């Protein structure tokens, strides 16, 4: 029996390029009614400021207030935790059970997870997800990939993580960058078991055509 869609999602932004993926995912999770525990690395703040018009405050509390206002989140729906907040729920297996999505995921974070490092809250949250056998989705954004990267991805896949490189498809004929971002975000939402309407499903047009033909016959 498939697991029910999560009501709580742990989400982390790291310093890989592709900040738009994480920001759009956060927006969609909040719109779906999920409570989100957000962790943002210092490198991610630099990348977000470089790749987007979003300027995040430095402190977790100020960042939380800013993002709540930006996305119209409900009170208590979005909680932002600092890099060394060891009392945050994602830091322990006895904390609230929730999947973890690291989007985008840097190769440095990938390496830390593959070797069991827990030098900050994001790495510890990934370590917890692995040891507790909780869903862990890593949206890697790097090219080309070295043997080290490939070895780390293989190790983490064998541990149960889902490696989901930020490789959007083009069969939906994207017209703008946002369409490419939505392609990846829709795939993440699918793996979380959350409904999504931002991306048409493969074969949907074929099904519609068959149903229309059946009604005519």
N, C-alpha and C. Protein backbone atom coordinates (compact mmCIF):
# COMPACT_ATOMS: atom_id res chain seq x y z
N UNK A 1 0.85 -1.18 0.00
CA UNK A 1 0.00 0.00 0.00
C UNK A 1 0.89 1.24 0.00
N UNK A 2 0.67 2.19 -0.95
CA UNK A 2 1.51 3.38 -0.99
C UNK A 2 1.30 4.25 0.24
N UNK A 3 2.38 4.93 0.65
CA UNK A 3 2.29 5.79 1.82
C UNK A 3 1.44 7.01 1.49
N UNK A 4 0.76 7.55 2.51
CA UNK A 4 -0.03 8.75 2.32
C UNK A 4 0.89 9.93 2.04
N UNK A 5 0.35 10.93 1.35
CA UNK A 5 1.14 12.12 1.07
C UNK A 5 1.58 12.76 2.38
N UNK A 6 2.80 13.26 2.45
CA UNK A 6 3.30 13.81 3.70
C UNK A 6 2.63 15.13 4.05
N UNK A 7 2.40 15.35 5.33
CA UNK A 7 1.89 16.64 5.78
C UNK A 7 3.02 17.57 6.18
N UNK A 8 4.20 16.97 6.41
CA UNK A 8 5.41 17.73 6.75
C UNK A 8 6.52 17.32 5.80
N UNK A 9 7.24 18.28 5.28
CA UNK A 9 8.37 18.00 4.40
C UNK A 9 9.57 18.80 4.89
N UNK A 10 10.70 18.13 5.05
CA UNK A 10 11.97 18.80 5.33
C UNK A 10 12.60 19.18 3.99
N UNK A 11 12.98 20.42 3.84
CA UNK A 11 13.51 20.92 2.58
C UNK A 11 14.80 21.67 2.85
N UNK A 12 15.82 21.41 2.03
CA UNK A 12 17.10 22.09 2.19
C UNK A 12 17.57 22.66 0.87
N UNK A 13 18.10 23.88 0.93
CA UNK A 13 18.75 24.51 -0.21
C UNK A 13 20.25 24.49 0.07
N UNK A 14 21.05 23.98 -0.87
CA UNK A 14 22.50 24.06 -0.74
C UNK A 14 23.07 24.92 -1.87
N UNK A 15 24.40 24.98 -1.96
CA UNK A 15 25.04 25.96 -2.82
C UNK A 15 25.21 25.60 -4.28
N UNK A 16 24.56 24.56 -4.76
CA UNK A 16 24.62 24.26 -6.19
C UNK A 16 23.82 25.29 -6.97
N UNK A 17 24.15 25.45 -8.24
CA UNK A 17 23.32 26.28 -9.11
C UNK A 17 21.95 25.62 -9.25
N UNK A 18 20.95 26.43 -9.58
CA UNK A 18 19.60 25.89 -9.71
C UNK A 18 18.72 26.28 -8.54
N UNK A 19 18.96 27.47 -7.98
CA UNK A 19 18.17 27.93 -6.85
C UNK A 19 16.68 28.00 -7.19
N UNK A 20 16.38 28.24 -8.47
CA UNK A 20 14.98 28.36 -8.88
C UNK A 20 14.19 27.09 -8.60
N UNK A 21 14.83 25.95 -8.70
CA UNK A 21 14.14 24.68 -8.43
C UNK A 21 13.66 24.63 -6.98
N UNK A 22 14.55 24.97 -6.05
CA UNK A 22 14.19 24.91 -4.65
C UNK A 22 13.13 25.91 -4.27
N UNK A 23 13.25 27.12 -4.78
CA UNK A 23 12.28 28.17 -4.45
C UNK A 23 10.90 27.81 -4.98
N UNK A 24 10.82 27.31 -6.21
CA UNK A 24 9.54 26.91 -6.77
C UNK A 24 8.96 25.72 -6.02
N UNK A 25 9.81 24.79 -5.63
CA UNK A 25 9.33 23.64 -4.85
C UNK A 25 8.76 24.11 -3.52
N UNK A 26 9.43 25.04 -2.85
CA UNK A 26 8.92 25.57 -1.59
C UNK A 26 7.54 26.18 -1.80
N UNK A 27 7.38 26.96 -2.85
CA UNK A 27 6.10 27.58 -3.16
C UNK A 27 5.01 26.52 -3.34
N UNK A 28 5.32 25.45 -4.07
CA UNK A 28 4.34 24.41 -4.35
C UNK A 28 4.00 23.61 -3.09
N UNK A 29 4.97 23.35 -2.26
CA UNK A 29 4.71 22.61 -1.02
C UNK A 29 3.79 23.40 -0.10
N UNK A 30 4.03 24.69 -0.01
CA UNK A 30 3.16 25.53 0.82
C UNK A 30 1.75 25.60 0.23
N UNK A 31 1.66 25.70 -1.09
CA UNK A 31 0.35 25.75 -1.74
C UNK A 31 -0.42 24.45 -1.54
N UNK A 32 0.33 23.33 -1.41
CA UNK A 32 -0.31 22.03 -1.20
C UNK A 32 -0.74 21.83 0.25
N UNK A 33 -0.43 22.80 1.12
CA UNK A 33 -0.83 22.70 2.52
C UNK A 33 0.15 22.00 3.42
N UNK A 34 1.34 21.69 2.91
CA UNK A 34 2.36 21.04 3.74
C UNK A 34 2.99 22.03 4.71
N UNK A 35 3.38 21.52 5.87
CA UNK A 35 4.26 22.29 6.74
C UNK A 35 5.68 21.99 6.31
N UNK A 36 6.47 23.03 6.14
CA UNK A 36 7.82 22.88 5.61
C UNK A 36 8.84 23.31 6.65
N UNK A 37 9.80 22.42 6.91
CA UNK A 37 10.96 22.74 7.74
C UNK A 37 12.11 23.05 6.77
N UNK A 38 12.48 24.30 6.68
CA UNK A 38 13.45 24.74 5.67
C UNK A 38 14.81 24.98 6.29
N UNK A 39 15.85 24.49 5.58
CA UNK A 39 17.24 24.71 5.96
C UNK A 39 17.98 25.29 4.76
N UNK A 40 18.70 26.37 4.96
CA UNK A 40 19.37 27.08 3.87
C UNK A 40 20.83 27.27 4.23
N UNK A 41 21.72 26.73 3.41
CA UNK A 41 23.15 26.90 3.69
C UNK A 41 23.59 28.32 3.32
N UNK A 42 24.75 28.72 3.86
CA UNK A 42 25.28 30.04 3.52
C UNK A 42 25.58 30.15 2.03
N UNK A 43 26.11 29.07 1.45
CA UNK A 43 26.39 29.08 0.02
C UNK A 43 25.10 29.22 -0.78
N UNK A 44 24.02 28.60 -0.30
CA UNK A 44 22.74 28.71 -0.99
C UNK A 44 22.26 30.15 -1.00
N UNK A 45 22.46 30.88 0.09
CA UNK A 45 22.05 32.28 0.12
C UNK A 45 22.79 33.09 -0.93
N UNK A 46 24.06 32.79 -1.13
CA UNK A 46 24.85 33.49 -2.15
C UNK A 46 24.31 33.16 -3.54
N UNK A 47 24.04 31.87 -3.78
CA UNK A 47 23.54 31.45 -5.09
C UNK A 47 22.17 32.05 -5.37
N UNK A 48 21.29 32.05 -4.38
CA UNK A 48 19.96 32.62 -4.56
C UNK A 48 20.05 34.09 -4.93
N UNK A 49 20.93 34.82 -4.26
CA UNK A 49 21.10 36.24 -4.56
C UNK A 49 21.68 36.45 -5.95
N UNK A 50 22.47 35.49 -6.44
CA UNK A 50 23.11 35.60 -7.75
C UNK A 50 22.15 35.22 -8.88
N UNK A 51 21.36 34.18 -8.65
CA UNK A 51 20.54 33.62 -9.73
C UNK A 51 19.11 34.14 -9.77
N UNK A 52 18.66 34.79 -8.72
CA UNK A 52 17.28 35.26 -8.66
C UNK A 52 17.25 36.69 -8.12
N UNK A 53 16.05 37.25 -8.11
CA UNK A 53 15.85 38.59 -7.54
C UNK A 53 15.53 38.52 -6.05
N UNK A 54 15.53 37.32 -5.49
CA UNK A 54 15.17 37.13 -4.09
C UNK A 54 16.38 37.41 -3.20
N UNK A 55 16.22 38.32 -2.27
CA UNK A 55 17.28 38.66 -1.32
C UNK A 55 16.85 38.18 0.06
N UNK A 56 17.46 37.12 0.53
CA UNK A 56 17.07 36.54 1.80
C UNK A 56 17.84 37.17 2.96
N UNK A 57 17.17 37.49 4.05
CA UNK A 57 17.88 37.97 5.25
C UNK A 57 18.80 36.88 5.78
N UNK A 58 19.78 37.29 6.57
CA UNK A 58 20.78 36.34 7.05
C UNK A 58 20.31 35.43 8.16
N UNK A 59 19.48 35.93 9.07
CA UNK A 59 19.09 35.13 10.22
C UNK A 59 17.89 34.25 9.88
N UNK A 60 17.80 33.05 10.48
CA UNK A 60 16.67 32.15 10.21
C UNK A 60 15.31 32.79 10.49
N UNK A 61 15.19 33.52 11.59
CA UNK A 61 13.90 34.12 11.94
C UNK A 61 13.47 35.17 10.92
N UNK A 62 14.42 36.02 10.52
CA UNK A 62 14.10 37.05 9.53
C UNK A 62 13.80 36.42 8.18
N UNK A 63 14.54 35.37 7.84
CA UNK A 63 14.28 34.66 6.58
C UNK A 63 12.89 34.05 6.60
N UNK A 64 12.53 33.46 7.71
CA UNK A 64 11.21 32.85 7.85
C UNK A 64 10.11 33.89 7.65
N UNK A 65 10.23 35.03 8.31
CA UNK A 65 9.24 36.08 8.17
C UNK A 65 9.12 36.55 6.72
N UNK A 66 10.26 36.72 6.08
CA UNK A 66 10.28 37.19 4.69
C UNK A 66 9.59 36.20 3.76
N UNK A 67 9.91 34.91 3.90
CA UNK A 67 9.34 33.91 3.01
C UNK A 67 7.86 33.67 3.28
N UNK A 68 7.46 33.76 4.54
CA UNK A 68 6.03 33.62 4.87
C UNK A 68 5.24 34.72 4.17
N UNK A 69 5.74 35.94 4.23
CA UNK A 69 5.06 37.05 3.58
C UNK A 69 5.09 36.90 2.06
N UNK A 70 6.22 36.46 1.52
CA UNK A 70 6.37 36.33 0.07
C UNK A 70 5.39 35.32 -0.51
N UNK A 71 5.23 34.17 0.15
CA UNK A 71 4.41 33.10 -0.39
C UNK A 71 3.03 33.00 0.26
N UNK A 72 2.73 33.89 1.18
CA UNK A 72 1.42 33.87 1.81
C UNK A 72 1.16 32.61 2.62
N UNK A 73 2.19 32.11 3.29
CA UNK A 73 2.05 30.90 4.09
C UNK A 73 1.20 31.16 5.32
N UNK A 74 0.55 30.11 5.79
CA UNK A 74 -0.25 30.20 7.00
C UNK A 74 0.67 30.27 8.23
N UNK A 75 0.17 30.83 9.33
CA UNK A 75 1.00 30.87 10.55
C UNK A 75 1.49 29.49 10.94
N UNK A 76 2.78 29.36 11.15
CA UNK A 76 3.36 28.09 11.56
C UNK A 76 3.58 27.09 10.44
N UNK A 77 3.22 27.46 9.20
CA UNK A 77 3.36 26.51 8.09
C UNK A 77 4.80 26.40 7.61
N UNK A 78 5.56 27.47 7.72
CA UNK A 78 6.95 27.47 7.29
C UNK A 78 7.84 27.81 8.47
N UNK A 79 8.77 26.89 8.77
CA UNK A 79 9.73 27.09 9.86
C UNK A 79 11.14 26.99 9.28
N UNK A 80 11.96 27.99 9.54
CA UNK A 80 13.33 28.01 9.03
C UNK A 80 14.29 27.76 10.19
N UNK A 81 15.22 26.82 9.99
CA UNK A 81 16.16 26.44 11.04
C UNK A 81 17.59 26.76 10.61
N UNK A 82 18.40 27.20 11.56
CA UNK A 82 19.79 27.56 11.29
C UNK A 82 20.69 26.34 11.12
N UNK A 83 21.88 26.56 10.60
CA UNK A 83 22.78 25.48 10.23
C UNK A 83 23.27 24.66 11.42
N UNK A 84 23.20 25.21 12.62
CA UNK A 84 23.65 24.49 13.82
C UNK A 84 22.55 24.39 14.86
N UNK A 85 21.32 24.36 14.40
CA UNK A 85 20.18 24.22 15.31
C UNK A 85 19.94 22.73 15.54
N UNK A 86 20.67 22.16 16.47
CA UNK A 86 20.63 20.72 16.69
C UNK A 86 19.35 20.27 17.39
N UNK A 87 18.52 21.21 17.81
CA UNK A 87 17.24 20.86 18.42
C UNK A 87 16.10 20.91 17.40
N UNK A 88 16.41 21.19 16.14
CA UNK A 88 15.40 21.19 15.09
C UNK A 88 14.91 19.76 14.84
N UNK A 89 13.65 19.56 14.49
CA UNK A 89 13.12 18.20 14.28
C UNK A 89 13.94 17.35 13.30
N UNK A 90 14.47 17.92 12.18
CA UNK A 90 15.21 17.06 11.24
C UNK A 90 16.52 16.50 11.80
N UNK A 91 16.96 17.00 12.96
CA UNK A 91 18.26 16.61 13.50
C UNK A 91 18.26 15.29 14.24
N UNK A 92 17.09 14.69 14.44
CA UNK A 92 17.04 13.45 15.22
C UNK A 92 16.00 12.49 14.65
N UNK A 93 16.32 11.21 14.77
CA UNK A 93 15.37 10.18 14.36
C UNK A 93 14.12 10.15 15.21
N UNK A 94 14.20 10.70 16.42
CA UNK A 94 13.03 10.77 17.27
C UNK A 94 12.21 12.03 17.01
N UNK A 95 12.67 12.84 16.06
CA UNK A 95 11.90 14.02 15.66
C UNK A 95 10.76 13.62 14.76
N UNK A 96 10.01 14.60 14.33
CA UNK A 96 8.84 14.35 13.50
C UNK A 96 9.24 13.65 12.21
N UNK A 97 8.55 12.54 11.89
CA UNK A 97 8.85 11.78 10.68
C UNK A 97 8.44 12.57 9.45
N UNK A 98 9.40 12.76 8.54
CA UNK A 98 9.11 13.53 7.33
C UNK A 98 10.16 13.21 6.28
N UNK A 99 9.79 13.26 5.00
CA UNK A 99 10.79 13.10 3.95
C UNK A 99 11.69 14.32 3.89
N UNK A 100 12.86 14.14 3.31
CA UNK A 100 13.81 15.23 3.12
C UNK A 100 14.11 15.38 1.64
N UNK A 101 14.00 16.61 1.16
CA UNK A 101 14.39 16.94 -0.22
C UNK A 101 15.50 17.97 -0.14
N UNK A 102 16.62 17.69 -0.77
CA UNK A 102 17.71 18.66 -0.87
C UNK A 102 17.73 19.15 -2.31
N UNK A 103 17.33 20.40 -2.51
CA UNK A 103 17.08 20.92 -3.85
C UNK A 103 17.45 22.40 -3.92
N UNK A 104 18.52 22.74 -4.63
CA UNK A 104 19.44 21.84 -5.30
C UNK A 104 20.43 21.23 -4.31
N UNK A 105 21.02 20.14 -4.72
CA UNK A 105 22.00 19.44 -3.89
C UNK A 105 23.38 19.61 -4.49
N UNK A 106 24.28 20.18 -3.73
CA UNK A 106 25.66 20.35 -4.20
C UNK A 106 26.42 19.03 -4.11
N UNK A 107 27.50 18.92 -4.85
CA UNK A 107 28.32 17.71 -4.77
C UNK A 107 29.03 17.62 -3.42
N UNK A 108 29.25 18.75 -2.77
CA UNK A 108 29.81 18.72 -1.43
C UNK A 108 28.86 18.07 -0.43
N UNK A 109 27.59 18.43 -0.52
CA UNK A 109 26.58 17.80 0.34
C UNK A 109 26.43 16.33 -0.01
N UNK A 110 26.47 16.03 -1.29
CA UNK A 110 26.40 14.64 -1.74
C UNK A 110 27.51 13.82 -1.09
N UNK A 111 28.73 14.35 -1.11
CA UNK A 111 29.88 13.66 -0.52
C UNK A 111 29.70 13.48 0.98
N UNK A 112 29.23 14.53 1.66
CA UNK A 112 29.03 14.44 3.11
C UNK A 112 28.02 13.35 3.46
N UNK A 113 26.94 13.26 2.70
CA UNK A 113 25.92 12.25 2.98
C UNK A 113 26.45 10.85 2.69
N UNK A 114 27.23 10.71 1.64
CA UNK A 114 27.75 9.39 1.28
C UNK A 114 28.75 8.87 2.30
N UNK A 115 29.40 9.79 3.03
CA UNK A 115 30.42 9.37 3.99
C UNK A 115 29.97 9.50 5.44
N UNK A 116 28.72 9.92 5.64
CA UNK A 116 28.19 9.98 7.00
C UNK A 116 28.58 11.20 7.80
N UNK A 117 29.06 12.24 7.12
CA UNK A 117 29.41 13.46 7.84
C UNK A 117 28.15 14.16 8.34
N UNK A 118 28.26 14.83 9.46
CA UNK A 118 27.12 15.57 10.02
C UNK A 118 27.63 16.88 10.61
N UNK A 119 28.26 17.69 9.78
CA UNK A 119 28.89 18.90 10.26
C UNK A 119 27.95 20.10 10.34
N UNK A 120 26.75 19.95 9.82
CA UNK A 120 25.75 21.01 9.92
C UNK A 120 24.37 20.35 9.90
N UNK A 121 23.33 21.15 10.05
CA UNK A 121 21.98 20.59 10.17
C UNK A 121 21.54 19.88 8.90
N UNK A 122 21.90 20.41 7.74
CA UNK A 122 21.49 19.76 6.48
C UNK A 122 22.11 18.38 6.37
N UNK A 123 23.40 18.28 6.66
CA UNK A 123 24.06 16.98 6.59
C UNK A 123 23.49 16.02 7.62
N UNK A 124 23.22 16.52 8.81
CA UNK A 124 22.64 15.66 9.85
C UNK A 124 21.24 15.21 9.46
N UNK A 125 20.46 16.11 8.87
CA UNK A 125 19.11 15.74 8.43
C UNK A 125 19.17 14.63 7.38
N UNK A 126 20.14 14.71 6.48
CA UNK A 126 20.30 13.65 5.49
C UNK A 126 20.72 12.34 6.13
N UNK A 127 21.62 12.42 7.10
CA UNK A 127 22.06 11.23 7.82
C UNK A 127 20.89 10.57 8.54
N UNK A 128 20.03 11.39 9.15
CA UNK A 128 18.84 10.87 9.84
C UNK A 128 17.90 10.19 8.84
N UNK A 129 17.67 10.84 7.71
CA UNK A 129 16.77 10.26 6.71
C UNK A 129 17.26 8.88 6.25
N UNK A 130 18.58 8.75 6.08
CA UNK A 130 19.13 7.47 5.64
C UNK A 130 19.01 6.41 6.72
N UNK A 131 19.39 6.75 7.94
CA UNK A 131 19.38 5.73 9.00
C UNK A 131 17.96 5.32 9.40
N UNK A 132 17.01 6.25 9.25
CA UNK A 132 15.62 5.96 9.60
C UNK A 132 14.83 5.40 8.42
N UNK A 133 15.50 5.25 7.27
CA UNK A 133 14.86 4.74 6.05
C UNK A 133 13.69 5.63 5.63
N UNK A 134 13.88 6.93 5.75
CA UNK A 134 12.87 7.87 5.31
C UNK A 134 13.17 8.33 3.89
N UNK A 135 12.16 8.78 3.15
CA UNK A 135 12.42 9.25 1.78
C UNK A 135 13.45 10.38 1.76
N UNK A 136 14.43 10.23 0.90
CA UNK A 136 15.47 11.23 0.72
C UNK A 136 15.66 11.47 -0.77
N UNK A 137 15.35 12.67 -1.22
CA UNK A 137 15.45 13.03 -2.63
C UNK A 137 16.56 14.06 -2.78
N UNK A 138 17.53 13.76 -3.61
CA UNK A 138 18.66 14.65 -3.83
C UNK A 138 18.62 15.16 -5.27
N UNK A 139 18.36 16.45 -5.42
CA UNK A 139 18.27 17.06 -6.75
C UNK A 139 19.64 17.65 -7.08
N UNK A 140 20.48 16.79 -7.63
CA UNK A 140 21.86 17.16 -7.93
C UNK A 140 21.91 18.07 -9.16
N UNK A 141 22.75 19.10 -9.10
CA UNK A 141 22.91 20.01 -10.24
C UNK A 141 24.41 20.22 -10.44
N UNK A 142 24.98 19.38 -11.30
CA UNK A 142 26.41 19.48 -11.59
C UNK A 142 26.68 18.82 -12.94
N UNK A 143 27.64 19.34 -13.68
CA UNK A 143 28.05 18.71 -14.93
C UNK A 143 29.42 19.25 -15.33
N UNK A 144 30.29 18.41 -15.88
CA UNK A 144 30.18 16.95 -15.94
C UNK A 144 30.37 16.34 -14.56
N UNK A 145 30.16 15.04 -14.49
CA UNK A 145 30.27 14.33 -13.22
C UNK A 145 31.57 13.53 -13.18
N UNK A 146 32.30 13.69 -12.09
CA UNK A 146 33.55 12.93 -11.94
C UNK A 146 33.25 11.54 -11.39
N UNK A 147 34.26 10.71 -11.35
CA UNK A 147 34.10 9.37 -10.78
C UNK A 147 33.71 9.46 -9.31
N UNK A 148 34.23 10.46 -8.62
CA UNK A 148 33.86 10.65 -7.20
C UNK A 148 32.36 10.91 -7.08
N UNK A 149 31.84 11.80 -7.92
CA UNK A 149 30.40 12.10 -7.88
C UNK A 149 29.58 10.85 -8.18
N UNK A 150 29.98 10.12 -9.21
CA UNK A 150 29.23 8.93 -9.61
C UNK A 150 29.28 7.86 -8.52
N UNK A 151 30.45 7.69 -7.90
CA UNK A 151 30.56 6.73 -6.80
C UNK A 151 29.65 7.12 -5.64
N UNK A 152 29.64 8.41 -5.31
CA UNK A 152 28.80 8.86 -4.21
C UNK A 152 27.31 8.69 -4.52
N UNK A 153 26.93 8.95 -5.76
CA UNK A 153 25.53 8.75 -6.15
C UNK A 153 25.14 7.28 -6.05
N UNK A 154 26.04 6.40 -6.48
CA UNK A 154 25.76 4.97 -6.41
C UNK A 154 25.64 4.52 -4.96
N UNK A 155 26.54 4.97 -4.11
CA UNK A 155 26.49 4.60 -2.69
C UNK A 155 25.17 5.03 -2.06
N UNK A 156 24.75 6.26 -2.35
CA UNK A 156 23.53 6.77 -1.75
C UNK A 156 22.29 6.09 -2.32
N UNK A 157 22.33 5.76 -3.60
CA UNK A 157 21.21 5.00 -4.19
C UNK A 157 21.06 3.66 -3.50
N UNK A 158 22.16 3.00 -3.24
CA UNK A 158 22.12 1.70 -2.56
C UNK A 158 21.63 1.85 -1.12
N UNK A 159 21.82 3.03 -0.52
CA UNK A 159 21.32 3.28 0.83
C UNK A 159 19.83 3.61 0.85
N UNK A 160 19.27 3.86 -0.33
CA UNK A 160 17.84 4.14 -0.40
C UNK A 160 17.46 5.53 -0.85
N UNK A 161 18.45 6.39 -1.07
CA UNK A 161 18.14 7.74 -1.54
C UNK A 161 17.72 7.71 -3.00
N UNK A 162 16.95 8.70 -3.39
CA UNK A 162 16.58 8.89 -4.80
C UNK A 162 17.44 10.02 -5.35
N UNK A 163 18.26 9.69 -6.33
CA UNK A 163 19.10 10.70 -6.98
C UNK A 163 18.32 11.22 -8.17
N UNK A 164 17.96 12.50 -8.14
CA UNK A 164 17.14 13.08 -9.19
C UNK A 164 17.87 14.30 -9.77
N UNK A 165 18.79 14.07 -10.71
CA UNK A 165 19.52 15.19 -11.30
C UNK A 165 18.57 16.20 -11.92
N UNK A 166 18.94 17.46 -11.83
CA UNK A 166 18.11 18.52 -12.41
C UNK A 166 18.27 18.49 -13.93
N UNK A 167 17.56 17.54 -14.56
CA UNK A 167 17.64 17.32 -16.00
C UNK A 167 16.24 17.38 -16.59
N UNK A 168 15.70 18.57 -16.78
CA UNK A 168 14.33 18.67 -17.27
C UNK A 168 14.19 18.13 -18.68
N UNK A 169 13.02 17.57 -18.97
CA UNK A 169 12.71 17.10 -20.31
C UNK A 169 12.22 18.24 -21.19
N UNK A 170 12.07 17.93 -22.47
CA UNK A 170 11.63 18.94 -23.43
C UNK A 170 10.41 18.49 -24.23
N UNK A 171 9.88 17.28 -23.92
CA UNK A 171 8.76 16.79 -24.71
C UNK A 171 7.48 17.56 -24.48
N UNK A 172 7.43 18.35 -23.41
CA UNK A 172 6.25 19.19 -23.18
C UNK A 172 6.36 20.55 -23.86
N UNK A 173 7.39 20.70 -24.71
CA UNK A 173 7.62 21.91 -25.50
C UNK A 173 7.64 23.18 -24.63
N UNK A 174 8.62 23.27 -23.75
CA UNK A 174 8.70 24.44 -22.87
C UNK A 174 8.87 25.73 -23.64
N UNK A 175 8.19 26.75 -23.17
CA UNK A 175 8.23 28.05 -23.83
C UNK A 175 9.07 29.07 -23.05
N UNK A 176 9.33 28.78 -21.80
CA UNK A 176 10.10 29.70 -20.96
C UNK A 176 10.84 28.92 -19.89
N UNK A 177 11.75 29.58 -19.22
CA UNK A 177 12.57 28.91 -18.21
C UNK A 177 11.69 28.30 -17.13
N UNK A 178 10.62 28.99 -16.76
CA UNK A 178 9.73 28.50 -15.71
C UNK A 178 9.16 27.13 -16.05
N UNK A 179 8.96 26.85 -17.33
CA UNK A 179 8.44 25.54 -17.74
C UNK A 179 9.44 24.43 -17.45
N UNK A 180 10.72 24.74 -17.62
CA UNK A 180 11.77 23.76 -17.31
C UNK A 180 11.88 23.53 -15.81
N UNK A 181 11.76 24.59 -15.05
CA UNK A 181 11.78 24.47 -13.59
C UNK A 181 10.60 23.63 -13.12
N UNK A 182 9.42 23.91 -13.66
CA UNK A 182 8.22 23.18 -13.26
C UNK A 182 8.31 21.70 -13.60
N UNK A 183 8.99 21.36 -14.67
CA UNK A 183 9.16 19.94 -15.02
C UNK A 183 9.81 19.19 -13.87
N UNK A 184 10.90 19.73 -13.34
CA UNK A 184 11.60 19.06 -12.25
C UNK A 184 10.79 19.08 -10.96
N UNK A 185 10.18 20.21 -10.66
CA UNK A 185 9.41 20.32 -9.42
C UNK A 185 8.24 19.34 -9.45
N UNK A 186 7.61 19.18 -10.60
CA UNK A 186 6.50 18.22 -10.72
C UNK A 186 6.98 16.80 -10.44
N UNK A 187 8.17 16.45 -10.91
CA UNK A 187 8.71 15.12 -10.67
C UNK A 187 8.98 14.91 -9.18
N UNK A 188 9.47 15.95 -8.51
CA UNK A 188 9.71 15.84 -7.06
C UNK A 188 8.39 15.65 -6.33
N UNK A 189 7.38 16.43 -6.68
CA UNK A 189 6.06 16.30 -6.05
C UNK A 189 5.49 14.91 -6.26
N UNK A 190 5.69 14.35 -7.44
CA UNK A 190 5.24 12.98 -7.71
C UNK A 190 5.88 12.00 -6.74
N UNK A 191 7.18 12.14 -6.55
CA UNK A 191 7.89 11.21 -5.66
C UNK A 191 7.50 11.40 -4.20
N UNK A 192 7.00 12.57 -3.87
CA UNK A 192 6.51 12.81 -2.51
C UNK A 192 5.07 12.36 -2.34
N UNK A 193 4.43 11.98 -3.44
CA UNK A 193 3.04 11.55 -3.36
C UNK A 193 2.06 12.71 -3.26
N UNK A 194 2.50 13.89 -3.70
CA UNK A 194 1.65 15.08 -3.64
C UNK A 194 1.05 15.37 -5.01
N UNK A 195 -0.21 15.75 -5.08
CA UNK A 195 -0.84 16.06 -6.36
C UNK A 195 -0.20 17.30 -6.99
N UNK A 196 -0.15 17.31 -8.31
CA UNK A 196 0.41 18.47 -8.99
C UNK A 196 -0.30 18.68 -10.32
N UNK A 197 -0.46 19.93 -10.68
CA UNK A 197 -1.08 20.28 -11.96
C UNK A 197 -0.19 21.23 -12.76
N UNK A 198 1.05 21.41 -12.33
CA UNK A 198 1.93 22.37 -13.00
C UNK A 198 2.58 21.78 -14.25
N UNK A 199 2.48 20.48 -14.42
CA UNK A 199 3.13 19.81 -15.54
C UNK A 199 2.22 18.72 -16.07
N UNK A 200 1.86 18.74 -17.38
CA UNK A 200 1.03 17.66 -17.91
C UNK A 200 1.75 16.32 -17.86
N UNK A 201 1.01 15.27 -17.57
CA UNK A 201 1.61 13.95 -17.45
C UNK A 201 1.81 13.30 -18.82
N UNK A 202 2.85 12.53 -18.91
CA UNK A 202 3.11 11.78 -20.15
C UNK A 202 1.93 10.85 -20.43
N UNK A 203 1.41 10.91 -21.64
CA UNK A 203 0.30 10.05 -22.03
C UNK A 203 -1.06 10.63 -21.74
N UNK A 204 -1.13 11.78 -21.06
CA UNK A 204 -2.43 12.35 -20.71
C UNK A 204 -3.23 12.70 -21.96
N UNK A 205 -2.57 13.27 -22.96
CA UNK A 205 -3.27 13.63 -24.20
C UNK A 205 -3.77 12.38 -24.90
N UNK A 206 -2.98 11.31 -24.84
CA UNK A 206 -3.37 10.05 -25.48
C UNK A 206 -4.62 9.47 -24.81
N UNK A 207 -4.65 9.52 -23.49
CA UNK A 207 -5.81 9.02 -22.75
C UNK A 207 -7.05 9.85 -23.10
N UNK A 208 -6.89 11.17 -23.15
CA UNK A 208 -8.02 12.04 -23.48
C UNK A 208 -8.58 11.73 -24.85
N UNK A 209 -7.68 11.48 -25.81
CA UNK A 209 -8.12 11.18 -27.17
C UNK A 209 -8.88 9.85 -27.22
N UNK A 210 -8.37 8.87 -26.47
CA UNK A 210 -9.04 7.57 -26.45
C UNK A 210 -10.43 7.67 -25.79
N UNK A 211 -10.50 8.43 -24.70
CA UNK A 211 -11.79 8.59 -24.01
C UNK A 211 -12.78 9.31 -24.89
N UNK A 212 -12.31 10.34 -25.61
CA UNK A 212 -13.21 11.09 -26.50
C UNK A 212 -13.71 10.20 -27.62
N UNK A 213 -12.83 9.34 -28.17
CA UNK A 213 -13.24 8.43 -29.23
C UNK A 213 -14.23 7.41 -28.73
N UNK A 214 -14.00 6.94 -27.47
CA UNK A 214 -14.92 5.96 -26.90
C UNK A 214 -16.31 6.55 -26.70
N UNK A 215 -16.37 7.85 -26.34
CA UNK A 215 -17.67 8.48 -26.14
C UNK A 215 -18.42 8.64 -27.45
N UNK A 216 -17.68 8.82 -28.55
CA UNK A 216 -18.32 9.00 -29.84
C UNK A 216 -18.84 7.67 -30.40
N UNK A 217 -18.23 6.58 -29.98
CA UNK A 217 -18.60 5.27 -30.54
C UNK A 217 -19.82 4.68 -29.87
